[in-house]
C-alpha cells in the first residue's frame, strides 16, 4: 500500500488539490447560478445545480435602477483613491524601513504587524467620533482614509520585503552617477519593485471595493453608499430577494476578477519577490 501511494503520490496530491479548489469555488458557483434562477427555483427542493431556464430579470435592477449605478460609481471612486493613497504613503515608508538605519525600526515594524491584526470593527467607532468632529462623515474622504488605515500596514510589509531584495550596489552606483535620493528612488528602485507595487495596488483596490463596515458607519446618507451597503436593500423585514442579491454580488465581483486576470503575473511575482529576505 505504501509503495502504491509513493508511486502515485503526484496523482493523489492533484486529486486532493482539485477537491480543495472545488470546495472553495462552490459558493462562487452557487452565487452565479442562483443569479439566473427565479425565486421559485431558488427555493426548490431538492435544489437544482443548474438553472432550468436562464432568468435575466435579477440583473434588470442593476441597469434600470439609477441608485445601484450610483453605488457602483461610489465604490469605484473610493477604491481607486484608497489604492493610490495607500501606494503613495506606503512606498517611502517601506523604503525607509528597508534601507535606512532608523532608531526604533524594529518597534515600528512590530507596531505595523499589531495594527494589521486589529479588526476594522474595533476602530470604526473611534474613527467615526474623530471624523464627525472634522466633518469627514458623509464624504468619500473619510471612507478613503479609513480604508487606507486598513491596507497601509499590509502594503508596507510587502513592499519592505521587496525593497530588501534589491541589491544595495544598484543604489550606490546611482549615487556615484550623481542621482539624488529621490531620483534614485523613483528611477531605480520603484521600477525594480513593479511586481510588488502592482500586487499591493490590486489588493488595496480589492480591500476598499469589498469593504462594508466603514462605509456603513461613515456614510449614513444614501447618496454616498457603496455597492456593499446598497446590497442591504435586498434584505427586508419580510424576506430576502435572493435572486437580485446574488445578481448584484456576481456583478460586483467583476472588477475583482478583471484585476486578477490582468495582473496575475505581477501578483505572483510580487508575492514571491524578496521572500527569502527578512
C-alpha atoms as a PDB file:
ATOM      1  CA  UNK A   1       0.000   0.000   0.000  1.00  0.00           C
ATOM      2  CA  UNK A   2       2.845   2.367   0.868  1.00  0.00           C
ATOM      3  CA  UNK A   3       4.612   1.547  -2.405  1.00  0.00           C
ATOM      4  CA  UNK A   4       1.424   2.225  -4.347  1.00  0.00           C
ATOM      5  CA  UNK A   5       0.933   5.558  -2.583  1.00  0.00           C
ATOM      6  CA  UNK A   6       4.540   6.636  -3.188  1.00  0.00           C
ATOM      7  CA  UNK A   7       4.335   5.644  -6.840  1.00  0.00           C
ATOM      8  CA  UNK A   8       1.137   7.629  -7.407  1.00  0.00           C
ATOM      9  CA  UNK A   9       1.856  10.386  -4.915  1.00  0.00           C
ATOM     10  CA  UNK A  10       1.579  13.094  -7.564  1.00  0.00           C
ATOM     11  CA  UNK A  11      -1.833  11.851  -8.692  1.00  0.00           C
ATOM     12  CA  UNK A  12      -3.180  11.793  -5.140  1.00  0.00           C
ATOM     13  CA  UNK A  13      -1.869  15.293  -4.465  1.00  0.00           C
ATOM     14  CA  UNK A  14      -3.509  16.546  -7.650  1.00  0.00           C
ATOM     15  CA  UNK A  15      -6.849  14.982  -6.713  1.00  0.00           C
ATOM     16  CA  UNK A  16      -6.718  16.435  -3.196  1.00  0.00           C
ATOM     17  CA  UNK A  17      -5.801  19.840  -4.605  1.00  0.00           C
ATOM     18  CA  UNK A  18      -8.726  19.739  -7.045  1.00  0.00           C
ATOM     19  CA  UNK A  19     -11.133  18.774  -4.262  1.00  0.00           C
ATOM     20  CA  UNK A  20      -9.945  21.670  -2.114  1.00  0.00           C
ATOM     21  CA  UNK A  21     -10.340  24.082  -5.041  1.00  0.00           C
ATOM     22  CA  UNK A  22     -13.852  22.801  -5.737  1.00  0.00           C
ATOM     23  CA  UNK A  23     -14.852  23.270  -2.101  1.00  0.00           C
ATOM     24  CA  UNK A  24     -13.686  26.891  -2.157  1.00  0.00           C
ATOM     25  CA  UNK A  25     -15.170  27.629  -5.589  1.00  0.00           C
ATOM     26  CA  UNK A  26     -18.579  26.086  -4.947  1.00  0.00           C
ATOM     27  CA  UNK A  27     -20.010  29.138  -3.082  1.00  0.00           C
ATOM     28  CA  UNK A  28     -18.991  31.320  -6.043  1.00  0.00           C
ATOM     29  CA  UNK A  29     -20.601  28.867  -8.444  1.00  0.00           C
ATOM     30  CA  UNK A  30     -23.770  28.786  -6.334  1.00  0.00           C
ATOM     31  CA  UNK A  31     -23.909  32.587  -6.273  1.00  0.00           C
ATOM     32  CA  UNK A  32     -23.580  32.721 -10.054  1.00  0.00           C
ATOM     33  CA  UNK A  33     -26.187  30.085 -10.897  1.00  0.00           C
ATOM     34  CA  UNK A  34     -28.617  31.484  -8.311  1.00  0.00           C
ATOM     35  CA  UNK A  35     -28.446  34.871 -10.012  1.00  0.00           C
ATOM     36  CA  UNK A  36     -30.012  33.259 -13.112  1.00  0.00           C
ATOM     37  CA  UNK A  37     -32.785  31.458 -11.234  1.00  0.00           C
ATOM     38  CA  UNK A  38     -36.326  32.543 -10.474  1.00  0.00           C
ATOM     39  CA  UNK A  39     -37.414  32.841  -6.848  1.00  0.00           C
ATOM     40  CA  UNK A  40     -39.370  29.594  -7.037  1.00  0.00           C
ATOM     41  CA  UNK A  41     -36.357  27.692  -8.400  1.00  0.00           C
ATOM     42  CA  UNK A  42     -34.029  29.157  -5.756  1.00  0.00           C
ATOM     43  CA  UNK A  43     -36.248  27.667  -3.035  1.00  0.00           C
ATOM     44  CA  UNK A  44     -36.924  24.427  -4.936  1.00  0.00           C
ATOM     45  CA  UNK A  45     -36.488  21.192  -3.010  1.00  0.00           C
ATOM     46  CA  UNK A  46     -34.312  19.403  -3.969  1.00  0.00           C
ATOM     47  CA  UNK A  47     -32.159  22.316  -5.153  1.00  0.00           C
ATOM     48  CA  UNK A  48     -31.037  22.444  -8.772  1.00  0.00           C
ATOM     49  CA  UNK A  49     -27.333  22.685  -9.505  1.00  0.00           C
ATOM     50  CA  UNK A  50     -28.002  24.356 -12.862  1.00  0.00           C
ATOM     51  CA  UNK A  51     -30.795  26.800 -13.843  1.00  0.00           C
ATOM     52  CA  UNK A  52     -33.661  25.125 -15.652  1.00  0.00           C
ATOM     53  CA  UNK A  53     -34.008  28.320 -17.666  1.00  0.00           C
ATOM     54  CA  UNK A  54     -31.809  31.398 -17.616  1.00  0.00           C
ATOM     55  CA  UNK A  55     -33.769  34.180 -15.934  1.00  0.00           C
ATOM     56  CA  UNK A  56     -32.240  37.618 -16.540  1.00  0.00           C
ATOM     57  CA  UNK A  57     -34.778  39.551 -14.501  1.00  0.00           C
ATOM     58  CA  UNK A  58     -32.498  39.566 -11.461  1.00  0.00           C
ATOM     59  CA  UNK A  59     -29.974  41.652 -13.376  1.00  0.00           C
ATOM     60  CA  UNK A  60     -32.528  44.194 -14.549  1.00  0.00           C
ATOM     61  CA  UNK A  61     -32.318  46.120 -11.272  1.00  0.00           C
ATOM     62  CA  UNK A  62     -28.606  46.759 -11.878  1.00  0.00           C
ATOM     63  CA  UNK A  63     -29.179  48.538 -15.185  1.00  0.00           C
ATOM     64  CA  UNK A  64     -32.610  50.092 -14.605  1.00  0.00           C
ATOM     65  CA  UNK A  65     -32.154  51.435 -11.082  1.00  0.00           C
ATOM     66  CA  UNK A  66     -30.082  54.631 -11.064  1.00  0.00           C
ATOM     67  CA  UNK A  67     -29.325  54.170  -7.370  1.00  0.00           C
ATOM     68  CA  UNK A  68     -27.368  50.978  -7.960  1.00  0.00           C
ATOM     69  CA  UNK A  69     -25.373  52.558 -10.770  1.00  0.00           C
ATOM     70  CA  UNK A  70     -24.522  55.325  -8.317  1.00  0.00           C
ATOM     71  CA  UNK A  71     -23.464  52.726  -5.737  1.00  0.00           C
ATOM     72  CA  UNK A  72     -21.068  51.169  -8.230  1.00  0.00           C
ATOM     73  CA  UNK A  73     -19.661  54.602  -9.076  1.00  0.00           C
ATOM     74  CA  UNK A  74     -19.148  55.416  -5.394  1.00  0.00           C
ATOM     75  CA  UNK A  75     -17.373  52.111  -4.786  1.00  0.00           C
ATOM     76  CA  UNK A  76     -15.096  52.759  -7.750  1.00  0.00           C
ATOM     77  CA  UNK A  77     -14.165  56.260  -6.570  1.00  0.00           C
ATOM     78  CA  UNK A  78     -13.388  55.079  -3.040  1.00  0.00           C
ATOM     79  CA  UNK A  79     -11.424  52.019  -4.176  1.00  0.00           C
ATOM     80  CA  UNK A  80      -9.283  53.872  -6.737  1.00  0.00           C
ATOM     81  CA  UNK A  81      -8.325  56.761  -4.457  1.00  0.00           C
ATOM     82  CA  UNK A  82      -7.737  54.455  -1.471  1.00  0.00           C
ATOM     83  CA  UNK A  83      -5.427  52.374  -3.665  1.00  0.00           C
ATOM     84  CA  UNK A  84      -3.468  55.418  -4.887  1.00  0.00           C
ATOM     85  CA  UNK A  85      -3.132  56.950  -1.430  1.00  0.00           C
ATOM     86  CA  UNK A  86      -2.024  53.632   0.084  1.00  0.00           C
ATOM     87  CA  UNK A  87       0.735  53.182  -2.503  1.00  0.00           C
ATOM     88  CA  UNK A  88       1.905  56.811  -2.260  1.00  0.00           C
ATOM     89  CA  UNK A  89       2.204  56.585   1.524  1.00  0.00           C
ATOM     90  CA  UNK A  90       3.487  53.007   1.822  1.00  0.00           C
ATOM     91  CA  UNK A  91       6.292  53.179  -0.777  1.00  0.00           C
ATOM     92  CA  UNK A  92       8.527  55.744   1.009  1.00  0.00           C
ATOM     93  CA  UNK A  93       7.687  54.289   4.437  1.00  0.00           C
ATOM     94  CA  UNK A  94       8.686  50.789   3.321  1.00  0.00           C
ATOM     95  CA  UNK A  95      11.843  52.040   1.629  1.00  0.00           C
ATOM     96  CA  UNK A  96      12.923  53.888   4.759  1.00  0.00           C
ATOM     97  CA  UNK A  97      12.317  50.812   6.917  1.00  0.00           C
ATOM     98  CA  UNK A  98      14.279  48.642   4.494  1.00  0.00           C
ATOM     99  CA  UNK A  99      17.272  50.881   3.772  1.00  0.00           C
ATOM    100  CA  UNK A 100      17.693  53.493   6.482  1.00  0.00           C
ATOM    101  CA  UNK A 101      19.172  52.713   9.868  1.00  0.00           C
ATOM    102  CA  UNK A 102      16.311  54.213  11.826  1.00  0.00           C
ATOM    103  CA  UNK A 103      16.180  54.140  15.600  1.00  0.00           C
ATOM    104  CA  UNK A 104      13.252  52.077  16.752  1.00  0.00           C
ATOM    105  CA  UNK A 105      12.689  50.486  13.322  1.00  0.00           C
ATOM    106  CA  UNK A 106      12.101  47.106  14.969  1.00  0.00           C
ATOM    107  CA  UNK A 107       9.465  48.583  17.266  1.00  0.00           C
ATOM    108  CA  UNK A 108       7.860  50.306  14.295  1.00  0.00           C
ATOM    109  CA  UNK A 109       7.651  47.028  12.381  1.00  0.00           C
ATOM    110  CA  UNK A 110       6.163  45.336  15.427  1.00  0.00           C
ATOM    111  CA  UNK A 111       3.518  48.078  15.695  1.00  0.00           C
ATOM    112  CA  UNK A 112       2.722  47.731  11.987  1.00  0.00           C
ATOM    113  CA  UNK A 113       2.128  43.995  12.455  1.00  0.00           C
ATOM    114  CA  UNK A 114      -0.059  44.661  15.512  1.00  0.00           C
ATOM    115  CA  UNK A 115      -2.095  47.270  13.617  1.00  0.00           C
ATOM    116  CA  UNK A 116      -2.560  44.817  10.758  1.00  0.00           C
ATOM    117  CA  UNK A 117      -4.192  42.348  13.150  1.00  0.00           C
ATOM    118  CA  UNK A 118      -6.668  44.882  14.593  1.00  0.00           C
ATOM    119  CA  UNK A 119     -10.124  44.274  13.010  1.00  0.00           C
ATOM    120  CA  UNK A 120     -11.920  47.201  11.427  1.00  0.00           C
ATOM    121  CA  UNK A 121     -14.937  46.620  13.684  1.00  0.00           C
ATOM    122  CA  UNK A 122     -12.935  47.720  16.716  1.00  0.00           C
ATOM    123  CA  UNK A 123     -11.718  51.030  15.293  1.00  0.00           C
ATOM    124  CA  UNK A 124     -14.713  52.154  13.252  1.00  0.00           C
ATOM    125  CA  UNK A 125     -16.421  53.901  16.190  1.00  0.00           C
ATOM    126  CA  UNK A 126     -13.289  55.873  17.249  1.00  0.00           C
ATOM    127  CA  UNK A 127     -12.833  56.856  13.607  1.00  0.00           C
ATOM    128  CA  UNK A 128     -16.467  57.935  13.411  1.00  0.00           C
ATOM    129  CA  UNK A 129     -16.033  60.095  16.542  1.00  0.00           C
ATOM    130  CA  UNK A 130     -12.962  61.809  15.051  1.00  0.00           C
ATOM    131  CA  UNK A 131     -14.329  62.172  11.530  1.00  0.00           C
ATOM    132  CA  UNK A 132     -17.632  63.601  12.743  1.00  0.00           C
ATOM    133  CA  UNK A 133     -15.714  66.401  14.506  1.00  0.00           C
ATOM    134  CA  UNK A 134     -13.682  67.086  11.388  1.00  0.00           C
ATOM    135  CA  UNK A 135     -16.704  66.984   9.078  1.00  0.00           C
ATOM    136  CA  UNK A 136     -15.496  63.897   7.200  1.00  0.00           C
ATOM    137  CA  UNK A 137     -18.644  61.800   7.622  1.00  0.00           C
ATOM    138  CA  UNK A 138     -20.921  61.572   4.609  1.00  0.00           C
ATOM    139  CA  UNK A 139     -17.941  62.165   2.351  1.00  0.00           C
ATOM    140  CA  UNK A 140     -15.660  59.982   0.288  1.00  0.00           C
ATOM    141  CA  UNK A 141     -12.603  61.422   2.038  1.00  0.00           C
ATOM    142  CA  UNK A 142     -13.446  59.853   5.398  1.00  0.00           C
ATOM    143  CA  UNK A 143     -14.041  56.373   3.956  1.00  0.00           C
ATOM    144  CA  UNK A 144     -10.917  56.586   1.795  1.00  0.00           C
ATOM    145  CA  UNK A 145      -8.762  57.497   4.814  1.00  0.00           C
ATOM    146  CA  UNK A 146     -10.381  54.713   6.857  1.00  0.00           C
ATOM    147  CA  UNK A 147      -9.642  52.169   4.123  1.00  0.00           C
ATOM    148  CA  UNK A 148      -6.051  53.342   3.932  1.00  0.00           C
ATOM    149  CA  UNK A 149      -5.626  52.665   7.660  1.00  0.00           C
ATOM    150  CA  UNK A 150      -6.553  49.027   6.967  1.00  0.00           C
ATOM    151  CA  UNK A 151      -4.473  48.425   3.840  1.00  0.00           C
ATOM    152  CA  UNK A 152      -1.381  50.532   4.650  1.00  0.00           C
ATOM    153  CA  UNK A 153       0.211  48.101   7.176  1.00  0.00           C
ATOM    154  CA  UNK A 154      -0.119  45.151   4.785  1.00  0.00           C
ATOM    155  CA  UNK A 155       1.285  47.122   1.849  1.00  0.00           C
ATOM    156  CA  UNK A 156       4.164  48.481   3.942  1.00  0.00           C
ATOM    157  CA  UNK A 157       5.226  44.976   4.992  1.00  0.00           C
ATOM    158  CA  UNK A 158       5.040  43.575   1.440  1.00  0.00           C
ATOM    159  CA  UNK A 159       6.948  46.479  -0.108  1.00  0.00           C
ATOM    160  CA  UNK A 160       9.614  46.413   2.602  1.00  0.00           C
ATOM    161  CA  UNK A 161      10.308  42.769   1.797  1.00  0.00           C
ATOM    162  CA  UNK A 162      10.574  43.648  -1.882  1.00  0.00           C
ATOM    163  CA  UNK A 163      12.966  46.545  -1.211  1.00  0.00           C
ATOM    164  CA  UNK A 164      15.196  44.250   0.851  1.00  0.00           C
ATOM    165  CA  UNK A 165      15.551  42.021  -2.218  1.00  0.00           C
ATOM    166  CA  UNK A 166      17.168  44.809  -4.269  1.00  0.00           C
ATOM    167  CA  UNK A 167      20.999  44.818  -4.110  1.00  0.00           C
ATOM    168  CA  UNK A 168      22.439  47.830  -2.336  1.00  0.00           C
ATOM    169  CA  UNK A 169      25.048  48.091  -5.104  1.00  0.00           C
ATOM    170  CA  UNK A 170      22.468  49.390  -7.587  1.00  0.00           C
ATOM    171  CA  UNK A 171      21.710  52.362  -5.354  1.00  0.00           C
ATOM    172  CA  UNK A 172      25.394  53.004  -4.710  1.00  0.00           C
ATOM    173  CA  UNK A 173      26.034  53.061  -8.469  1.00  0.00           C
ATOM    174  CA  UNK A 174      23.198  55.544  -8.933  1.00  0.00           C
ATOM    175  CA  UNK A 175      24.628  57.807  -6.219  1.00  0.00           C
ATOM    176  CA  UNK A 176      28.047  57.694  -7.897  1.00  0.00           C
ATOM    177  CA  UNK A 177      26.421  58.762 -11.184  1.00  0.00           C
ATOM    178  CA  UNK A 178      25.010  61.820  -9.435  1.00  0.00           C
ATOM    179  CA  UNK A 179      21.460  60.726  -8.637  1.00  0.00           C
ATOM    180  CA  UNK A 180      19.845  62.192  -5.549  1.00  0.00           C
ATOM    181  CA  UNK A 181      17.980  60.066  -3.030  1.00  0.00           C
ATOM    182  CA  UNK A 182      14.579  60.813  -4.545  1.00  0.00           C
ATOM    183  CA  UNK A 183      15.833  60.401  -8.109  1.00  0.00           C
ATOM    184  CA  UNK A 184      17.302  57.012  -7.211  1.00  0.00           C
ATOM    185  CA  UNK A 185      14.076  56.019  -5.507  1.00  0.00           C
ATOM    186  CA  UNK A 186      11.839  56.942  -8.431  1.00  0.00           C
ATOM    187  CA  UNK A 187      14.070  55.916 -11.354  1.00  0.00           C
ATOM    188  CA  UNK A 188      15.872  52.860  -9.990  1.00  0.00           C
ATOM    189  CA  UNK A 189      14.058  51.378  -7.013  1.00  0.00           C
ATOM    190  CA  UNK A 190      10.382  51.714  -7.922  1.00  0.00           C
ATOM    191  CA  UNK A 191      10.715  50.206 -11.451  1.00  0.00           C
ATOM    192  CA  UNK A 192      12.501  47.189  -9.947  1.00  0.00           C
ATOM    193  CA  UNK A 193       9.679  46.662  -7.446  1.00  0.00           C
ATOM    194  CA  UNK A 194       6.905  46.969 -10.030  1.00  0.00           C
ATOM    195  CA  UNK A 195       5.517  43.432  -9.403  1.00  0.00           C
ATOM    196  CA  UNK A 196       5.209  44.179  -5.699  1.00  0.00           C
ATOM    197  CA  UNK A 197       3.647  47.585  -6.403  1.00  0.00           C
ATOM    198  CA  UNK A 198       1.070  46.054  -8.732  1.00  0.00           C
ATOM    199  CA  UNK A 199       0.335  43.353  -6.153  1.00  0.00           C
ATOM    200  CA  UNK A 200      -0.189  45.900  -3.397  1.00  0.00           C
ATOM    201  CA  UNK A 201      -2.288  48.131  -5.641  1.00  0.00           C
ATOM    202  CA  UNK A 202      -4.515  45.195  -6.603  1.00  0.00           C
ATOM    203  CA  UNK A 203      -5.023  44.064  -3.021  1.00  0.00           C
ATOM    204  CA  UNK A 204      -5.630  47.630  -1.836  1.00  0.00           C
ATOM    205  CA  UNK A 205      -8.301  48.110  -4.504  1.00  0.00           C
ATOM    206  CA  UNK A 206      -9.946  44.811  -3.581  1.00  0.00           C
ATOM    207  CA  UNK A 207      -9.927  45.639   0.136  1.00  0.00           C
ATOM    208  CA  UNK A 208     -11.581  49.005  -0.475  1.00  0.00           C
ATOM    209  CA  UNK A 209     -14.033  47.657  -3.065  1.00  0.00           C
ATOM    210  CA  UNK A 210     -15.372  44.953  -0.766  1.00  0.00           C
ATOM    211  CA  UNK A 211     -15.236  46.926   2.482  1.00  0.00           C
ATOM    212  CA  UNK A 212     -18.549  47.190   4.341  1.00  0.00           C
ATOM    213  CA  UNK A 213     -18.175  48.388   7.950  1.00  0.00           C
ATOM    214  CA  UNK A 214     -16.540  51.756   7.269  1.00  0.00           C
ATOM    215  CA  UNK A 215     -18.992  52.588   4.507  1.00  0.00           C
ATOM    216  CA  UNK A 216     -21.958  51.565   6.651  1.00  0.00           C
ATOM    217  CA  UNK A 217     -20.966  53.722   9.644  1.00  0.00           C
ATOM    218  CA  UNK A 218     -19.337  56.705   7.946  1.00  0.00           C
ATOM    219  CA  UNK A 219     -21.839  57.102   5.082  1.00  0.00           C
ATOM    220  CA  UNK A 220     -25.359  57.390   6.533  1.00  0.00           C
ATOM    221  CA  UNK A 221     -26.562  59.381   3.502  1.00  0.00           C
ATOM    222  CA  UNK A 222     -27.849  57.085   0.757  1.00  0.00           C
ATOM    223  CA  UNK A 223     -26.265  59.237  -1.917  1.00  0.00           C
ATOM    224  CA  UNK A 224     -22.778  58.139  -0.800  1.00  0.00           C
ATOM    225  CA  UNK A 225     -23.492  54.435  -0.282  1.00  0.00           C
ATOM    226  CA  UNK A 226     -21.181  51.864  -1.797  1.00  0.00           C
ATOM    227  CA  UNK A 227     -22.381  48.691  -3.502  1.00  0.00           C
ATOM    228  CA  UNK A 228     -21.721  46.598  -0.395  1.00  0.00           C
ATOM    229  CA  UNK A 229     -24.017  48.825   1.647  1.00  0.00           C
ATOM    230  CA  UNK A 230     -26.549  49.069  -1.172  1.00  0.00           C
ATOM    231  CA  UNK A 231     -26.968  45.298  -1.268  1.00  0.00           C
ATOM    232  CA  UNK A 232     -28.602  45.511   2.166  1.00  0.00           C
ATOM    233  CA  UNK A 233     -31.736  46.855   0.488  1.00  0.00           C
ATOM    234  CA  UNK A 234     -32.498  43.352  -0.780  1.00  0.00           C
ATOM    235  CA  UNK A 235     -32.751  42.130   2.819  1.00  0.00           C
ATOM    236  CA  UNK A 236     -36.082  43.244   4.266  1.00  0.00           C
ATOM    237  CA  UNK A 237     -38.294  42.565   7.237  1.00  0.00           C
ATOM    238  CA  UNK A 238     -40.483  40.181   5.270  1.00  0.00           C
ATOM    239  CA  UNK A 239     -37.793  38.276   3.408  1.00  0.00           C
ATOM    240  CA  UNK A 240     -34.722  38.463   1.212  1.00  0.00           C
ATOM    241  CA  UNK A 241     -34.678  38.915  -2.561  1.00  0.00           C
ATOM    242  CA  UNK A 242     -32.055  36.247  -3.092  1.00  0.00           C
ATOM    243  CA  UNK A 243     -32.066  36.394  -6.880  1.00  0.00           C
ATOM    244  CA  UNK A 244     -31.388  40.138  -7.048  1.00  0.00           C
ATOM    245  CA  UNK A 245     -28.896  39.870  -4.182  1.00  0.00           C
ATOM    246  CA  UNK A 246     -26.942  37.120  -5.946  1.00  0.00           C
ATOM    247  CA  UNK A 247     -27.022  39.035  -9.239  1.00  0.00           C
ATOM    248  CA  UNK A 248     -25.662  42.173  -7.593  1.00  0.00           C
ATOM    249  CA  UNK A 249     -22.962  40.191  -5.790  1.00  0.00           C
ATOM    250  CA  UNK A 250     -21.947  38.449  -9.028  1.00  0.00           C
ATOM    251  CA  UNK A 251     -21.823  41.694 -10.991  1.00  0.00           C
ATOM    252  CA  UNK A 252     -19.857  43.486  -8.252  1.00  0.00           C
ATOM    253  CA  UNK A 253     -17.283  40.665  -8.380  1.00  0.00           C
ATOM    254  CA  UNK A 254     -16.365  41.514 -11.986  1.00  0.00           C
ATOM    255  CA  UNK A 255     -13.848  44.286 -11.159  1.00  0.00           C
ATOM    256  CA  UNK A 256     -12.032  41.952  -8.770  1.00  0.00           C
ATOM    257  CA  UNK A 257     -11.967  39.187 -11.391  1.00  0.00           C
ATOM    258  CA  UNK A 258     -10.724  41.549 -14.100  1.00  0.00           C
ATOM    259  CA  UNK A 259      -7.941  42.853 -11.837  1.00  0.00           C
ATOM    260  CA  UNK A 260      -6.718  39.328 -11.081  1.00  0.00           C
ATOM    261  CA  UNK A 261      -6.787  38.360 -14.767  1.00  0.00           C
ATOM    262  CA  UNK A 262      -4.828  41.448 -15.840  1.00  0.00           C
ATOM    263  CA  UNK A 263      -2.298  41.412 -13.004  1.00  0.00           C
ATOM    264  CA  UNK A 264      -1.898  37.726 -12.150  1.00  0.00           C
ATOM    265  CA  UNK A 265       1.704  37.578 -13.417  1.00  0.00           C
ATOM    266  CA  UNK A 266       2.658  40.643 -11.404  1.00  0.00           C
ATOM    267  CA  UNK A 267       0.813  39.351  -8.343  1.00  0.00           C
ATOM    268  CA  UNK A 268       2.685  36.036  -8.395  1.00  0.00           C
ATOM    269  CA  UNK A 269       5.974  37.874  -8.853  1.00  0.00           C
ATOM    270  CA  UNK A 270       5.119  40.390  -6.151  1.00  0.00           C
ATOM    271  CA  UNK A 271       4.236  37.740  -3.606  1.00  0.00           C
ATOM    272  CA  UNK A 272       7.458  35.808  -4.178  1.00  0.00           C
ATOM    273  CA  UNK A 273       9.739  38.834  -4.624  1.00  0.00           C
ATOM    274  CA  UNK A 274      12.207  39.087  -1.803  1.00  0.00           C
ATOM    275  CA  UNK A 275      10.552  36.250   0.074  1.00  0.00           C
ATOM    276  CA  UNK A 276      13.906  34.965   1.321  1.00  0.00           C
ATOM    277  CA  UNK A 277      14.794  38.298   2.885  1.00  0.00           C
ATOM    278  CA  UNK A 278      13.597  39.307   6.351  1.00  0.00           C
END
